[in-house]
C-alpha atoms as a PDB file:
ATOM      1  CA  MET A   1       0.000   0.000   0.000  1.00  0.00           C
ATOM      2  CA  ILE A   2       1.342   3.432  -0.948  1.00  0.00           C
ATOM      3  CA  SER A   3       1.443   5.935   1.881  1.00  0.00           C
ATOM      4  CA  TRP A   4       0.280   9.526   1.446  1.00  0.00           C
ATOM      5  CA  GLY A   5       3.843  10.654   2.158  1.00  0.00           C
ATOM      6  CA  ILE A   6       5.093   9.119  -1.062  1.00  0.00           C
ATOM      7  CA  ILE A   7       2.231  10.632  -3.039  1.00  0.00           C
ATOM      8  CA  GLY A   8       3.025  14.012  -1.474  1.00  0.00           C
ATOM      9  CA  TRP A   9       6.681  13.658  -2.503  1.00  0.00           C
ATOM     10  CA  ILE A  10       5.610  12.894  -6.072  1.00  0.00           C
ATOM     11  CA  ILE A  11       3.251  15.880  -6.223  1.00  0.00           C
ATOM     12  CA  LEU A  12       5.737  18.254  -4.557  1.00  0.00           C
ATOM     13  CA  GLY A  13       8.540  16.924  -6.777  1.00  0.00           C
ATOM     14  CA  GLY A  14       6.472  17.363  -9.926  1.00  0.00           C
ATOM     15  CA  ILE A  15       5.605  20.957  -9.102  1.00  0.00           C
ATOM     16  CA  ALA A  16       9.173  21.806  -8.017  1.00  0.00           C
ATOM     17  CA  GLY A  17      10.645  20.133 -11.122  1.00  0.00           C
ATOM     18  CA  TRP A  18       8.230  21.989 -13.389  1.00  0.00           C
ATOM     19  CA  ILE A  19       8.985  25.374 -11.786  1.00  0.00           C
ATOM     20  CA  ALA A  20      12.739  24.692 -11.950  1.00  0.00           C
ATOM     21  CA  SER A  21      12.484  23.685 -15.617  1.00  0.00           C
ATOM     22  CA  LYS A  22      10.657  26.949 -16.329  1.00  0.00           C
ATOM     23  CA  ILE A  23      13.360  28.934 -14.506  1.00  0.00           C
ATOM     24  CA  MET A  24      16.190  27.103 -16.291  1.00  0.00           C
ATOM     25  CA  GLY A  25      14.482  27.120 -19.714  1.00  0.00           C
ATOM     26  CA  THR A  26      14.342  23.322 -20.122  1.00  0.00           C
ATOM     27  CA  ASP A  27      10.571  22.847 -19.929  1.00  0.00           C
ATOM     28  CA  ALA A  28      10.187  22.005 -23.615  1.00  0.00           C
ATOM     29  CA  GLN A  29      12.700  19.145 -23.259  1.00  0.00           C
ATOM     30  CA  GLN A  30      11.086  17.548 -20.195  1.00  0.00           C
ATOM     31  CA  GLY A  31       7.860  15.682 -19.660  1.00  0.00           C
ATOM     32  CA  ILE A  32       5.924  15.225 -16.443  1.00  0.00           C
ATOM     33  CA  GLY A  33       7.907  12.116 -15.488  1.00  0.00           C
ATOM     34  CA  LEU A  34      11.237  13.872 -15.768  1.00  0.00           C
ATOM     35  CA  ASN A  35       9.855  16.895 -13.903  1.00  0.00           C
ATOM     36  CA  ILE A  36       8.902  14.607 -11.005  1.00  0.00           C
ATOM     37  CA  VAL A  37      12.314  12.939 -10.953  1.00  0.00           C
ATOM     38  CA  VAL A  38      14.154  16.272 -11.186  1.00  0.00           C
ATOM     39  CA  GLY A  39      12.006  17.723  -8.407  1.00  0.00           C
ATOM     40  CA  ILE A  40      12.493  14.782  -6.028  1.00  0.00           C
ATOM     41  CA  VAL A  41      16.237  14.504  -6.661  1.00  0.00           C
ATOM     42  CA  GLY A  42      16.472  18.289  -6.486  1.00  0.00           C
ATOM     43  CA  GLY A  43      14.724  18.232  -3.116  1.00  0.00           C
ATOM     44  CA  LEU A  44      17.242  15.734  -1.794  1.00  0.00           C
ATOM     45  CA  LEU A  45      20.140  17.725  -3.251  1.00  0.00           C
ATOM     46  CA  GLY A  46      18.804  21.038  -1.942  1.00  0.00           C
ATOM     47  CA  GLY A  47      18.189  19.560   1.514  1.00  0.00           C
ATOM     48  CA  PHE A  48      21.702  18.150   1.619  1.00  0.00           C
ATOM     49  CA  LEU A  49      23.312  21.417   0.525  1.00  0.00           C
ATOM     50  CA  LEU A  50      21.278  23.556   2.936  1.00  0.00           C
ATOM     51  CA  SER A  51      22.073  21.203   5.817  1.00  0.00           C
ATOM     52  CA  LEU A  52      25.767  21.747   5.079  1.00  0.00           C
ATOM     53  CA  PHE A  53      25.158  25.422   5.862  1.00  0.00           C
ATOM     54  CA  GLY A  54      23.501  24.510   9.156  1.00  0.00           C
ATOM     55  CA  LEU A  55      19.890  25.144   8.134  1.00  0.00           C
ATOM     56  CA  ASP A  56      17.201  22.898   9.640  1.00  0.00           C
ATOM     57  CA  VAL A  57      15.516  21.644   6.497  1.00  0.00           C
ATOM     58  CA  ALA A  58      13.389  19.018   8.259  1.00  0.00           C
ATOM     59  CA  GLY A  59      11.468  21.517  10.377  1.00  0.00           C
ATOM     60  CA  GLY A  60      11.003  24.195   7.754  1.00  0.00           C
ATOM     61  CA  GLY A  61       7.445  23.441   6.687  1.00  0.00           C
ATOM     62  CA  LEU A  62       5.815  23.032   3.301  1.00  0.00           C
ATOM     63  CA  ILE A  63       6.845  26.351   1.740  1.00  0.00           C
ATOM     64  CA  PHE A  64      10.478  25.952   2.816  1.00  0.00           C
ATOM     65  CA  SER A  65      10.446  22.375   1.476  1.00  0.00           C
ATOM     66  CA  MET A  66       9.113  23.602  -1.862  1.00  0.00           C
ATOM     67  CA  LEU A  67      11.745  26.344  -2.100  1.00  0.00           C
ATOM     68  CA  THR A  68      14.444  23.827  -1.148  1.00  0.00           C
ATOM     69  CA  ALA A  69      13.267  21.428  -3.866  1.00  0.00           C
ATOM     70  CA  ILE A  70      13.149  24.210  -6.476  1.00  0.00           C
ATOM     71  CA  LEU A  71      16.653  25.381  -5.531  1.00  0.00           C
ATOM     72  CA  GLY A  72      18.029  21.839  -5.679  1.00  0.00           C
ATOM     73  CA  ALA A  73      16.261  21.125  -8.979  1.00  0.00           C
ATOM     74  CA  CYS A  74      17.697  24.301 -10.526  1.00  0.00           C
ATOM     75  CA  ILE A  75      21.181  23.276  -9.370  1.00  0.00           C
ATOM     76  CA  LEU A  76      20.622  19.771 -10.763  1.00  0.00           C
ATOM     77  CA  LEU A  77      19.465  21.109 -14.153  1.00  0.00           C
ATOM     78  CA  TRP A  78      22.427  23.498 -14.235  1.00  0.00           C
ATOM     79  CA  LEU A  79      24.836  20.594 -13.541  1.00  0.00           C
ATOM     80  CA  VAL A  80      23.212  18.469 -16.252  1.00  0.00           C
ATOM     81  CA  ARG A  81      23.508  21.375 -18.716  1.00  0.00           C
ATOM     82  CA  LEU A  82      27.157  21.850 -17.724  1.00  0.00           C
ATOM     83  CA  VAL A  83      27.996  18.179 -18.314  1.00  0.00           C
ATOM     84  CA  THR A  84      26.043  17.790 -21.557  1.00  0.00           C
ATOM     85  CA  ALA A  85      27.378  21.053 -23.038  1.00  0.00           C
ATOM     86  CA  ARG A  86      30.872  19.598 -23.135  1.00  0.00           C
ATOM     87  CA  ARG A  87      29.832  16.836 -25.524  1.00  0.00           C
END
């Protein structure tokens, strides 16, 4: 049985990935599946990076989690662009 937490991650990840793809100009290249993946991985990346700076990402609430996921997704898309531009 799927818990509501996982569904929330998917929804939050999809929205964060879509917003990040709009910011980074990659929306035309991504579908909904890739937006979800980018948003979830971006959330993990953003949470990791912010915790390195001593910020409490676990207790930040929904808005802080969304901003963290968007920030991480933008960084992830920037890194992907950096790696693929060299080819």
